[in-house]
Amino acid sequence: MDSWRELQKNSYISWVKKYEKEKEKRIEAEEKYNKLVEAIKNIAIEKYYTKLLETNDERMDIIGQNGNDGLHYQYELFEDDDDDTKH
């Protein structure tokens, strides 16, 4: 009878050790996955903002080529007030 209990005990201990090893593997895999996801997010964010800045630069280059520096907007209100034909 003691040998049967010893066999059960060893079997249980073996199962627990195997379970713990598998658990460690799952935890390591999850950590690697999370690091990979974080790296992908960072790359996507960097590419998004790089593209956004490039698009804004291209837009400003076109506006600058047309001679529109935006300064005339602050004067339009005052110029319209002096125009007597609109009253």
PDB file of N, CA and C in Angstrom:
ATOM      1  N   MET A   1       0.803  -1.190   0.000  1.00  0.00           N
ATOM      2  CA  MET A   1       0.000   0.000   0.000  1.00  0.00           C
ATOM      3  C   MET A   1       0.850   1.259   0.000  1.00  0.00           C
ATOM      4  N   ASP A   2       1.952   1.226   0.721  1.00  0.00           N
ATOM      5  CA  ASP A   2       2.824   2.395   0.765  1.00  0.00           C
ATOM      6  C   ASP A   2       3.411   2.693  -0.608  1.00  0.00           C
ATOM      7  N   SER A   3       3.710   1.685  -1.354  1.00  0.00           N
ATOM      8  CA  SER A   3       4.274   1.907  -2.684  1.00  0.00           C
ATOM      9  C   SER A   3       3.246   2.558  -3.607  1.00  0.00           C
ATOM     10  N   TRP A   4       1.979   2.221  -3.422  1.00  0.00           N
ATOM     11  CA  TRP A   4       0.925   2.838  -4.215  1.00  0.00           C
ATOM     12  C   TRP A   4       0.811   4.329  -3.868  1.00  0.00           C
ATOM     13  N   ARG A   5       0.848   4.652  -2.602  1.00  0.00           N
ATOM     14  CA  ARG A   5       0.783   6.057  -2.178  1.00  0.00           C
ATOM     15  C   ARG A   5       2.021   6.823  -2.666  1.00  0.00           C
ATOM     16  N   GLU A   6       3.154   6.171  -2.606  1.00  0.00           N
ATOM     17  CA  GLU A   6       4.387   6.796  -3.088  1.00  0.00           C
ATOM     18  C   GLU A   6       4.297   7.065  -4.583  1.00  0.00           C
ATOM     19  N   LEU A   7       3.735   6.137  -5.302  1.00  0.00           N
ATOM     20  CA  LEU A   7       3.547   6.311  -6.752  1.00  0.00           C
ATOM     21  C   LEU A   7       2.600   7.475  -7.030  1.00  0.00           C
ATOM     22  N   GLN A   8       1.505   7.557  -6.292  1.00  0.00           N
ATOM     23  CA  GLN A   8       0.559   8.665  -6.457  1.00  0.00           C
ATOM     24  C   GLN A   8       1.214  10.002  -6.118  1.00  0.00           C
ATOM     25  N   LYS A   9       1.953  10.016  -5.037  1.00  0.00           N
ATOM     26  CA  LYS A   9       2.635  11.235  -4.613  1.00  0.00           C
ATOM     27  C   LYS A   9       3.627  11.691  -5.677  1.00  0.00           C
ATOM     28  N   ASN A  10       4.433  10.766  -6.188  1.00  0.00           N
ATOM     29  CA  ASN A  10       5.412  11.106  -7.223  1.00  0.00           C
ATOM     30  C   ASN A  10       4.722  11.557  -8.511  1.00  0.00           C
ATOM     31  N   SER A  11       3.630  10.909  -8.824  1.00  0.00           N
ATOM     32  CA  SER A  11       2.878  11.289 -10.010  1.00  0.00           C
ATOM     33  C   SER A  11       2.333  12.711  -9.854  1.00  0.00           C
ATOM     34  N   TYR A  12       1.789  13.021  -8.688  1.00  0.00           N
ATOM     35  CA  TYR A  12       1.249  14.353  -8.418  1.00  0.00           C
ATOM     36  C   TYR A  12       2.350  15.398  -8.464  1.00  0.00           C
ATOM     37  N   ILE A  13       3.480  15.109  -7.833  1.00  0.00           N
ATOM     38  CA  ILE A  13       4.607  16.046  -7.825  1.00  0.00           C
ATOM     39  C   ILE A  13       5.099  16.283  -9.252  1.00  0.00           C
ATOM     40  N   SER A  14       5.173  15.238 -10.022  1.00  0.00           N
ATOM     41  CA  SER A  14       5.591  15.354 -11.415  1.00  0.00           C
ATOM     42  C   SER A  14       4.610  16.224 -12.199  1.00  0.00           C
ATOM     43  N   TRP A  15       3.318  16.029 -11.966  1.00  0.00           N
ATOM     44  CA  TRP A  15       2.303  16.804 -12.659  1.00  0.00           C
ATOM     45  C   TRP A  15       2.402  18.281 -12.276  1.00  0.00           C
ATOM     46  N   VAL A  16       2.612  18.563 -10.993  1.00  0.00           N
ATOM     47  CA  VAL A  16       2.722  19.946 -10.517  1.00  0.00           C
ATOM     48  C   VAL A  16       3.940  20.626 -11.139  1.00  0.00           C
ATOM     49  N   LYS A  17       5.054  19.921 -11.187  1.00  0.00           N
ATOM     50  CA  LYS A  17       6.260  20.498 -11.802  1.00  0.00           C
ATOM     51  C   LYS A  17       6.027  20.794 -13.277  1.00  0.00           C
ATOM     52  N   LYS A  18       5.378  19.870 -13.956  1.00  0.00           N
ATOM     53  CA  LYS A  18       5.079  20.074 -15.381  1.00  0.00           C
ATOM     54  C   LYS A  18       4.144  21.277 -15.561  1.00  0.00           C
ATOM     55  N   TYR A  19       3.140  21.366 -14.691  1.00  0.00           N
ATOM     56  CA  TYR A  19       2.203  22.484 -14.746  1.00  0.00           C
ATOM     57  C   TYR A  19       2.918  23.811 -14.519  1.00  0.00           C
ATOM     58  N   GLU A  20       3.807  23.855 -13.538  1.00  0.00           N
ATOM     59  CA  GLU A  20       4.546  25.077 -13.242  1.00  0.00           C
ATOM     60  C   GLU A  20       5.438  25.491 -14.412  1.00  0.00           C
ATOM     61  N   LYS A  21       6.077  24.530 -15.076  1.00  0.00           N
ATOM     62  CA  LYS A  21       6.911  24.843 -16.242  1.00  0.00           C
ATOM     63  C   LYS A  21       6.068  25.415 -17.372  1.00  0.00           C
ATOM     64  N   GLU A  22       4.910  24.804 -17.604  1.00  0.00           N
ATOM     65  CA  GLU A  22       4.016  25.306 -18.655  1.00  0.00           C
ATOM     66  C   GLU A  22       3.502  26.706 -18.320  1.00  0.00           C
ATOM     67  N   LYS A  23       3.234  26.919 -17.051  1.00  0.00           N
ATOM     68  CA  LYS A  23       2.774  28.241 -16.605  1.00  0.00           C
ATOM     69  C   LYS A  23       3.853  29.287 -16.861  1.00  0.00           C
ATOM     70  N   GLU A  24       5.100  28.964 -16.548  1.00  0.00           N
ATOM     71  CA  GLU A  24       6.217  29.879 -16.803  1.00  0.00           C
ATOM     72  C   GLU A  24       6.355  30.172 -18.295  1.00  0.00           C
ATOM     73  N   LYS A  25       6.195  29.159 -19.114  1.00  0.00           N
ATOM     74  CA  LYS A  25       6.278  29.351 -20.568  1.00  0.00           C
ATOM     75  C   LYS A  25       5.180  30.287 -21.053  1.00  0.00           C
ATOM     76  N   ARG A  26       3.959  30.097 -20.526  1.00  0.00           N
ATOM     77  CA  ARG A  26       2.850  30.977 -20.922  1.00  0.00           C
ATOM     78  C   ARG A  26       3.114  32.415 -20.503  1.00  0.00           C
ATOM     79  N   ILE A  27       3.660  32.600 -19.304  1.00  0.00           N
ATOM     80  CA  ILE A  27       3.951  33.947 -18.819  1.00  0.00           C
ATOM     81  C   ILE A  27       5.026  34.596 -19.686  1.00  0.00           C
ATOM     82  N   GLU A  28       6.076  33.862 -20.022  1.00  0.00           N
ATOM     83  CA  GLU A  28       7.125  34.391 -20.891  1.00  0.00           C
ATOM     84  C   GLU A  28       6.576  34.749 -22.268  1.00  0.00           C
ATOM     85  N   ALA A  29       5.734  33.873 -22.807  1.00  0.00           N
ATOM     86  CA  ALA A  29       5.136  34.145 -24.119  1.00  0.00           C
ATOM     87  C   ALA A  29       4.257  35.390 -24.071  1.00  0.00           C
ATOM     88  N   GLU A  30       3.508  35.552 -22.997  1.00  0.00           N
ATOM     89  CA  GLU A  30       2.652  36.725 -22.856  1.00  0.00           C
ATOM     90  C   GLU A  30       3.482  38.001 -22.741  1.00  0.00           C
ATOM     91  N   GLU A  31       4.580  37.943 -22.007  1.00  0.00           N
ATOM     92  CA  GLU A  31       5.457  39.110 -21.885  1.00  0.00           C
ATOM     93  C   GLU A  31       6.065  39.473 -23.232  1.00  0.00           C
ATOM     94  N   LYS A  32       6.517  38.470 -23.988  1.00  0.00           N
ATOM     95  CA  LYS A  32       7.065  38.729 -25.324  1.00  0.00           C
ATOM     96  C   LYS A  32       6.008  39.337 -26.227  1.00  0.00           C
ATOM     97  N   TYR A  33       4.790  38.803 -26.159  1.00  0.00           N
ATOM     98  CA  TYR A  33       3.689  39.318 -26.967  1.00  0.00           C
ATOM     99  C   TYR A  33       3.408  40.782 -26.615  1.00  0.00           C
ATOM    100  N   ASN A  34       3.346  41.091 -25.317  1.00  0.00           N
ATOM    101  CA  ASN A  34       3.066  42.466 -24.896  1.00  0.00           C
ATOM    102  C   ASN A  34       4.158  43.428 -25.346  1.00  0.00           C
ATOM    103  N   LYS A  35       5.412  42.995 -25.287  1.00  0.00           N
ATOM    104  CA  LYS A  35       6.512  43.841 -25.763  1.00  0.00           C
ATOM    105  C   LYS A  35       6.401  44.073 -27.262  1.00  0.00           C
ATOM    106  N   LEU A  36       6.036  43.032 -27.988  1.00  0.00           N
ATOM    107  CA  LEU A  36       5.883  43.157 -29.438  1.00  0.00           C
ATOM    108  C   LEU A  36       4.745  44.116 -29.785  1.00  0.00           C
ATOM    109  N   VAL A  37       3.627  43.981 -29.095  1.00  0.00           N
ATOM    110  CA  VAL A  37       2.492  44.875 -29.329  1.00  0.00           C
ATOM    111  C   VAL A  37       2.879  46.323 -29.029  1.00  0.00           C
ATOM    112  N   GLU A  38       3.593  46.529 -27.945  1.00  0.00           N
ATOM    113  CA  GLU A  38       4.028  47.881 -27.582  1.00  0.00           C
ATOM    114  C   GLU A  38       4.965  48.458 -28.647  1.00  0.00           C
ATOM    115  N   ALA A  39       5.867  47.635 -29.151  1.00  0.00           N
ATOM    116  CA  ALA A  39       6.794  48.086 -30.198  1.00  0.00           C
ATOM    117  C   ALA A  39       6.029  48.452 -31.465  1.00  0.00           C
ATOM    118  N   ILE A  40       5.050  47.647 -31.818  1.00  0.00           N
ATOM    119  CA  ILE A  40       4.243  47.924 -33.015  1.00  0.00           C
ATOM    120  C   ILE A  40       3.463  49.222 -32.833  1.00  0.00           C
ATOM    121  N   LYS A  41       2.890  49.430 -31.644  1.00  0.00           N
ATOM    122  CA  LYS A  41       2.171  50.677 -31.369  1.00  0.00           C
ATOM    123  C   LYS A  41       3.093  51.880 -31.525  1.00  0.00           C
ATOM    124  N   ASN A  42       4.297  51.785 -30.965  1.00  0.00           N
ATOM    125  CA  ASN A  42       5.242  52.903 -31.038  1.00  0.00           C
ATOM    126  C   ASN A  42       5.629  53.204 -32.479  1.00  0.00           C
ATOM    127  N   ILE A  43       5.850  52.165 -33.265  1.00  0.00           N
ATOM    128  CA  ILE A  43       6.187  52.364 -34.675  1.00  0.00           C
ATOM    129  C   ILE A  43       5.029  53.019 -35.415  1.00  0.00           C
ATOM    130  N   ALA A  44       3.810  52.544 -35.153  1.00  0.00           N
ATOM    131  CA  ALA A  44       2.640  53.115 -35.816  1.00  0.00           C
ATOM    132  C   ALA A  44       2.452  54.583 -35.444  1.00  0.00           C
ATOM    133  N   ILE A  45       2.630  54.900 -34.171  1.00  0.00           N
ATOM    134  CA  ILE A  45       2.497  56.295 -33.735  1.00  0.00           C
ATOM    135  C   ILE A  45       3.561  57.163 -34.389  1.00  0.00           C
ATOM    136  N   GLU A  46       4.788  56.676 -34.423  1.00  0.00           N
ATOM    137  CA  GLU A  46       5.872  57.437 -35.030  1.00  0.00           C
ATOM    138  C   GLU A  46       5.603  57.671 -36.520  1.00  0.00           C
ATOM    139  N   LYS A  47       5.161  56.634 -37.219  1.00  0.00           N
ATOM    140  CA  LYS A  47       4.866  56.783 -38.654  1.00  0.00           C
ATOM    141  C   LYS A  47       3.703  57.746 -38.870  1.00  0.00           C
ATOM    142  N   TYR A  48       2.677  57.673 -38.012  1.00  0.00           N
ATOM    143  CA  TYR A  48       1.532  58.569 -38.140  1.00  0.00           C
ATOM    144  C   TYR A  48       1.964  60.021 -38.002  1.00  0.00           C
ATOM    145  N   TYR A  49       2.716  60.319 -36.946  1.00  0.00           N
ATOM    146  CA  TYR A  49       3.122  61.709 -36.738  1.00  0.00           C
ATOM    147  C   TYR A  49       4.132  62.171 -37.779  1.00  0.00           C
ATOM    148  N   THR A  50       4.985  61.275 -38.232  1.00  0.00           N
ATOM    149  CA  THR A  50       5.918  61.640 -39.305  1.00  0.00           C
ATOM    150  C   THR A  50       5.148  62.003 -40.567  1.00  0.00           C
ATOM    151  N   LYS A  51       4.149  61.192 -40.927  1.00  0.00           N
ATOM    152  CA  LYS A  51       3.337  61.461 -42.111  1.00  0.00           C
ATOM    153  C   LYS A  51       2.537  62.743 -41.931  1.00  0.00           C
ATOM    154  N   LEU A  52       2.010  62.961 -40.729  1.00  0.00           N
ATOM    155  CA  LEU A  52       1.252  64.179 -40.457  1.00  0.00           C
ATOM    156  C   LEU A  52       2.134  65.410 -40.641  1.00  0.00           C
ATOM    157  N   LEU A  53       3.341  65.367 -40.117  1.00  0.00           N
ATOM    158  CA  LEU A  53       4.258  66.498 -40.260  1.00  0.00           C
ATOM    159  C   LEU A  53       4.646  66.710 -41.713  1.00  0.00           C
ATOM    160  N   GLU A  54       4.882  65.625 -42.443  1.00  0.00           N
ATOM    161  CA  GLU A  54       5.231  65.749 -43.860  1.00  0.00           C
ATOM    162  C   GLU A  54       4.079  66.366 -44.638  1.00  0.00           C
ATOM    163  N   THR A  55       2.861  65.925 -44.336  1.00  0.00           N
ATOM    164  CA  THR A  55       1.682  66.462 -45.014  1.00  0.00           C
ATOM    165  C   THR A  55       1.525  67.945 -44.712  1.00  0.00           C
ATOM    166  N   ASN A  56       1.708  68.316 -43.455  1.00  0.00           N
ATOM    167  CA  ASN A  56       1.605  69.738 -43.090  1.00  0.00           C
ATOM    168  C   ASN A  56       2.690  70.560 -43.775  1.00  0.00           C
ATOM    169  N   ASP A  57       3.910  70.021 -43.845  1.00  0.00           N
ATOM    170  CA  ASP A  57       4.993  70.732 -44.524  1.00  0.00           C
ATOM    171  C   ASP A  57       4.675  70.918 -46.001  1.00  0.00           C
ATOM    172  N   GLU A  58       4.162  69.885 -46.642  1.00  0.00           N
ATOM    173  CA  GLU A  58       3.801  69.983 -48.057  1.00  0.00           C
ATOM    174  C   GLU A  58       2.707  71.031 -48.257  1.00  0.00           C
ATOM    175  N   ARG A  59       1.725  71.025 -47.369  1.00  0.00           N
ATOM    176  CA  ARG A  59       0.630  71.987 -47.448  1.00  0.00           C
ATOM    177  C   ARG A  59       1.149  73.411 -47.294  1.00  0.00           C
ATOM    178  N   MET A  60       2.026  73.607 -46.317  1.00  0.00           N
ATOM    179  CA  MET A  60       2.571  74.940 -46.095  1.00  0.00           C
ATOM    180  C   MET A  60       3.450  75.382 -47.257  1.00  0.00           C
ATOM    181  N   ASP A  61       4.165  74.446 -47.877  1.00  0.00           N
ATOM    182  CA  ASP A  61       4.972  74.794 -49.043  1.00  0.00           C
ATOM    183  C   ASP A  61       4.084  75.281 -50.186  1.00  0.00           C
ATOM    184  N   ILE A  62       2.949  74.630 -50.377  1.00  0.00           N
ATOM    185  CA  ILE A  62       2.022  75.042 -51.438  1.00  0.00           C
ATOM    186  C   ILE A  62       1.433  76.407 -51.119  1.00  0.00           C
ATOM    187  N   ILE A  63       1.021  76.602 -49.872  1.00  0.00           N
ATOM    188  CA  ILE A  63       0.462  77.905 -49.474  1.00  0.00           C
ATOM    189  C   ILE A  63       1.517  78.986 -49.656  1.00  0.00           C
ATOM    190  N   GLY A  64       2.753  78.709 -49.268  1.00  0.00           N
ATOM    191  CA  GLY A  64       3.829  79.677 -49.415  1.00  0.00           C
ATOM    192  C   GLY A  64       4.121  79.997 -50.875  1.00  0.00           C
ATOM    193  N   GLN A  65       4.009  79.021 -51.756  1.00  0.00           N
ATOM    194  CA  GLN A  65       4.247  79.242 -53.176  1.00  0.00           C
ATOM    195  C   GLN A  65       3.185  80.152 -53.770  1.00  0.00           C
ATOM    196  N   ASN A  66       1.991  80.109 -53.229  1.00  0.00           N
ATOM    197  CA  ASN A  66       0.909  80.951 -53.726  1.00  0.00           C
ATOM    198  C   ASN A  66       0.976  82.361 -53.147  1.00  0.00           C
ATOM    199  N   GLY A  67       1.937  82.591 -52.277  1.00  0.00           N
ATOM    200  CA  GLY A  67       2.103  83.919 -51.700  1.00  0.00           C
ATOM    201  C   GLY A  67       1.149  84.206 -50.555  1.00  0.00           C
ATOM    202  N   ASN A  68       0.490  83.204 -50.053  1.00  0.00           N
ATOM    203  CA  ASN A  68      -0.463  83.404 -48.960  1.00  0.00           C
ATOM    204  C   ASN A  68       0.257  83.157 -47.645  1.00  0.00           C
ATOM    205  N   ASP A  69       0.577  84.233 -46.959  1.00  0.00           N
ATOM    206  CA  ASP A  69       1.236  84.082 -45.668  1.00  0.00           C
ATOM    207  C   ASP A  69       0.241  84.225 -44.521  1.00  0.00           C
ATOM    208  N   GLY A  70      -1.029  84.497 -44.829  1.00  0.00           N
ATOM    209  CA  GLY A  70      -2.061  84.580 -43.808  1.00  0.00           C
ATOM    210  C   GLY A  70      -2.142  85.914 -43.106  1.00  0.00           C
ATOM    211  N   LEU A  71      -1.231  86.815 -43.381  1.00  0.00           N
ATOM    212  CA  LEU A  71      -1.218  88.105 -42.685  1.00  0.00           C
ATOM    213  C   LEU A  71      -2.399  88.994 -43.071  1.00  0.00           C
ATOM    214  N   HIS A  72      -2.923  88.829 -44.276  1.00  0.00           N
ATOM    215  CA  HIS A  72      -3.998  89.710 -44.721  1.00  0.00           C
ATOM    216  C   HIS A  72      -5.288  89.488 -43.927  1.00  0.00           C
ATOM    217  N   TYR A  73      -5.445  88.353 -43.270  1.00  0.00           N
ATOM    218  CA  TYR A  73      -6.667  88.103 -42.515  1.00  0.00           C
ATOM    219  C   TYR A  73      -6.838  89.064 -41.350  1.00  0.00           C
ATOM    220  N   GLN A  74      -5.785  89.445 -40.719  1.00  0.00           N
ATOM    221  CA  GLN A  74      -5.926  90.341 -39.577  1.00  0.00           C
ATOM    222  C   GLN A  74      -6.293  91.750 -39.999  1.00  0.00           C
ATOM    223  N   TYR A  75      -6.077  92.099 -41.253  1.00  0.00           N
ATOM    224  CA  TYR A  75      -6.367  93.452 -41.719  1.00  0.00           C
ATOM    225  C   TYR A  75      -7.704  93.560 -42.419  1.00  0.00           C
ATOM    226  N   GLU A  76      -8.284  92.455 -42.844  1.00  0.00           N
ATOM    227  CA  GLU A  76      -9.537  92.512 -43.591  1.00  0.00           C
ATOM    228  C   GLU A  76     -10.654  93.151 -42.773  1.00  0.00           C
ATOM    229  N   LEU A  77     -10.734  92.872 -41.496  1.00  0.00           N
ATOM    230  CA  LEU A  77     -11.798  93.427 -40.675  1.00  0.00           C
ATOM    231  C   LEU A  77     -11.719  94.942 -40.613  1.00  0.00           C
ATOM    232  N   PHE A  78     -10.527  95.450 -40.480  1.00  0.00           N
ATOM    233  CA  PHE A  78     -10.367  96.898 -40.399  1.00  0.00           C
ATOM    234  C   PHE A  78     -10.592  97.565 -41.739  1.00  0.00           C
ATOM    235  N   GLU A  79     -10.204  96.930 -42.810  1.00  0.00           N
ATOM    236  CA  GLU A  79     -10.384  97.510 -44.130  1.00  0.00           C
ATOM    237  C   GLU A  79     -11.863  97.572 -44.486  1.00  0.00           C
ATOM    238  N   ASP A  80     -12.655  96.546 -44.097  1.00  0.00           N
ATOM    239  CA  ASP A  80     -14.079  96.537 -44.402  1.00  0.00           C
ATOM    240  C   ASP A  80     -14.821  97.611 -43.626  1.00  0.00           C
ATOM    241  N   ASP A  81     -14.358  97.958 -42.437  1.00  0.00           N
ATOM    242  CA  ASP A  81     -15.022  98.978 -41.638  1.00  0.00           C
ATOM    243  C   ASP A  81     -14.903 100.362 -42.293  1.00  0.00           C
ATOM    244  N   ASP A  82     -13.845 100.589 -43.048  1.00  0.00           N
ATOM    245  CA  ASP A  82     -13.646 101.896 -43.680  1.00  0.00           C
ATOM    246  C   ASP A  82     -14.412 102.018 -44.985  1.00  0.00           C
ATOM    247  N   ASP A  83     -14.952 100.956 -45.489  1.00  0.00           N
ATOM    248  CA  ASP A  83     -15.637 100.961 -46.775  1.00  0.00           C
ATOM    249  C   ASP A  83     -17.050 101.513 -46.590  1.00  0.00           C
ATOM    250  N   ASP A  84     -17.325 102.719 -47.103  1.00  0.00           N
ATOM    251  CA  ASP A  84     -18.609 103.396 -46.922  1.00  0.00           C
ATOM    252  C   ASP A  84     -19.681 102.877 -47.863  1.00  0.00           C
ATOM    253  N   THR A  85     -19.300 102.146 -48.882  1.00  0.00           N
ATOM    254  CA  THR A  85     -20.277 101.699 -49.882  1.00  0.00           C
ATOM    255  C   THR A  85     -21.153 100.575 -49.340  1.00  0.00           C
ATOM    256  N   LYS A  86     -20.781  99.936 -48.274  1.00  0.00           N
ATOM    257  CA  LYS A  86     -21.565  98.818 -47.752  1.00  0.00           C
ATOM    258  C   LYS A  86     -22.647  99.281 -46.796  1.00  0.00           C
ATOM    259  N   HIS A  87     -22.652 100.542 -46.395  1.00  0.00           N
ATOM    260  CA  HIS A  87     -23.653 101.016 -45.420  1.00  0.00           C
ATOM    261  C   HIS A  87     -24.961 101.265 -46.040  1.00  0.00           C
TER     262      HIS A  87
END
